[in-house]
Protein backbone atom coordinates (compact mmCIF):
# COMPACT_ATOMS: atom_id res chain seq x y z
CA LEU A 1 -15.35 58.15 -15.62
CA LEU A 2 -15.97 54.45 -15.02
CA SER A 3 -19.22 54.49 -16.97
CA GLU A 4 -17.52 56.34 -19.83
CA CYS A 5 -14.77 53.72 -19.98
CA SER A 6 -17.30 50.93 -19.83
CA SER A 7 -19.33 52.34 -22.70
CA LEU A 8 -16.17 53.00 -24.70
CA ILE A 9 -14.97 49.44 -24.21
CA SER A 10 -18.34 47.94 -25.09
CA SER A 11 -18.57 50.08 -28.22
CA GLN A 12 -15.05 49.13 -29.31
CA PHE A 13 -15.42 45.42 -28.64
CA SER A 14 -19.01 44.78 -29.61
CA PHE A 15 -17.87 42.25 -32.23
CA ILE A 16 -16.76 39.76 -29.56
CA PRO A 17 -19.50 37.12 -29.29
CA THR A 18 -20.78 36.39 -25.82
CA ALA A 19 -22.24 33.14 -24.56
CA SER A 20 -25.73 34.61 -24.70
CA THR A 21 -25.44 35.54 -28.40
CA ASN A 22 -23.42 32.54 -29.55
CA PRO A 23 -25.06 29.11 -29.06
CA LYS A 24 -21.74 27.26 -29.55
CA ALA A 25 -20.08 29.37 -26.88
CA ALA A 26 -23.01 28.76 -24.55
CA LEU A 27 -22.73 25.00 -25.13
CA LYS A 28 -18.98 25.06 -24.52
CA SER A 29 -19.47 27.03 -21.32
CA LYS A 30 -22.08 24.53 -20.15
CA ILE A 31 -19.80 21.57 -20.91
CA VAL A 32 -16.89 23.14 -19.07
CA ALA A 33 -19.07 24.04 -16.09
CA GLU A 34 -20.54 20.53 -15.85
CA PHE A 35 -17.31 18.63 -16.46
CA ARG A 36 -16.52 16.20 -13.65
CA PRO A 37 -13.08 14.66 -14.11
CA GLN A 38 -13.49 11.99 -11.42
CA SER A 39 -14.94 9.37 -13.79
CA LEU A 40 -12.10 9.96 -16.23
CA ILE A 41 -9.58 9.68 -13.40
CA ASP A 42 -11.17 6.40 -12.26
CA GLU A 43 -10.98 4.95 -15.77
CA LEU A 44 -7.35 5.98 -16.14
CA LEU A 45 -6.47 4.40 -12.78
CA LEU A 46 -8.12 1.12 -13.82
CA TYR A 47 -6.19 1.19 -17.09
CA LYS A 48 -2.92 1.89 -15.26
CA ARG A 49 -3.51 -1.00 -12.84
CA SER A 50 -4.22 -3.30 -15.77
CA GLU A 51 -1.03 -2.21 -17.51
CA ASP A 52 0.93 -2.75 -14.30
CA GLN A 53 -0.46 -6.29 -13.97
CA ILE A 54 0.49 -7.10 -17.54
CA GLU A 55 4.00 -5.74 -17.02
CA LEU A 56 4.39 -7.76 -13.81
CA LYS A 57 3.28 -11.00 -15.49
CA GLU A 58 5.60 -10.37 -18.43
CA LYS A 59 8.53 -9.86 -16.03
CA GLN A 60 7.61 -13.02 -14.12
CA LEU A 61 7.44 -15.03 -17.34
CA SER A 62 10.72 -13.64 -18.63
CA THR A 63 12.53 -14.69 -15.44
CA MET A 64 11.11 -18.22 -15.53
CA ARG A 65 12.99 -20.93 -17.34
CA VAL A 66 10.25 -22.78 -19.12
CA ASP A 67 10.46 -25.60 -21.59
CA VAL A 68 8.02 -24.35 -24.20
CA CYS A 69 7.95 -27.75 -25.86
CA SER A 70 6.39 -29.31 -22.75
CA THR A 71 2.60 -29.28 -22.98
CA GLU A 72 2.32 -30.05 -19.26
CA THR A 73 4.35 -26.95 -18.37
CA LEU A 74 2.25 -24.80 -20.69
CA LYS A 75 -0.96 -26.18 -19.15
CA CYS A 76 0.31 -25.28 -15.69
CA LEU A 77 1.18 -21.77 -16.78
CA LYS A 78 -2.20 -21.36 -18.45
CA GLY A 79 -3.92 -22.49 -15.26
CA LYS A 80 -2.04 -19.89 -13.20
CA ALA A 81 -2.83 -17.00 -15.56
């Protein structure tokens, strides 16, 4: 019975391409199998840290009362950045 069902299914669904008959499907399968998300995760973490640093500096600058007309003050801020 199992072999009859198997042959019936394969005869009914023979139009479905498999990885062995479809080079694009084989390539996609290989890419998915070899995908290692750790490098992507590392890059995203670095980006997030960078964004956090920028946000922190913007908050620090917004809370400071700075005379923007003073070149000395601007030089000091530039030196700290």
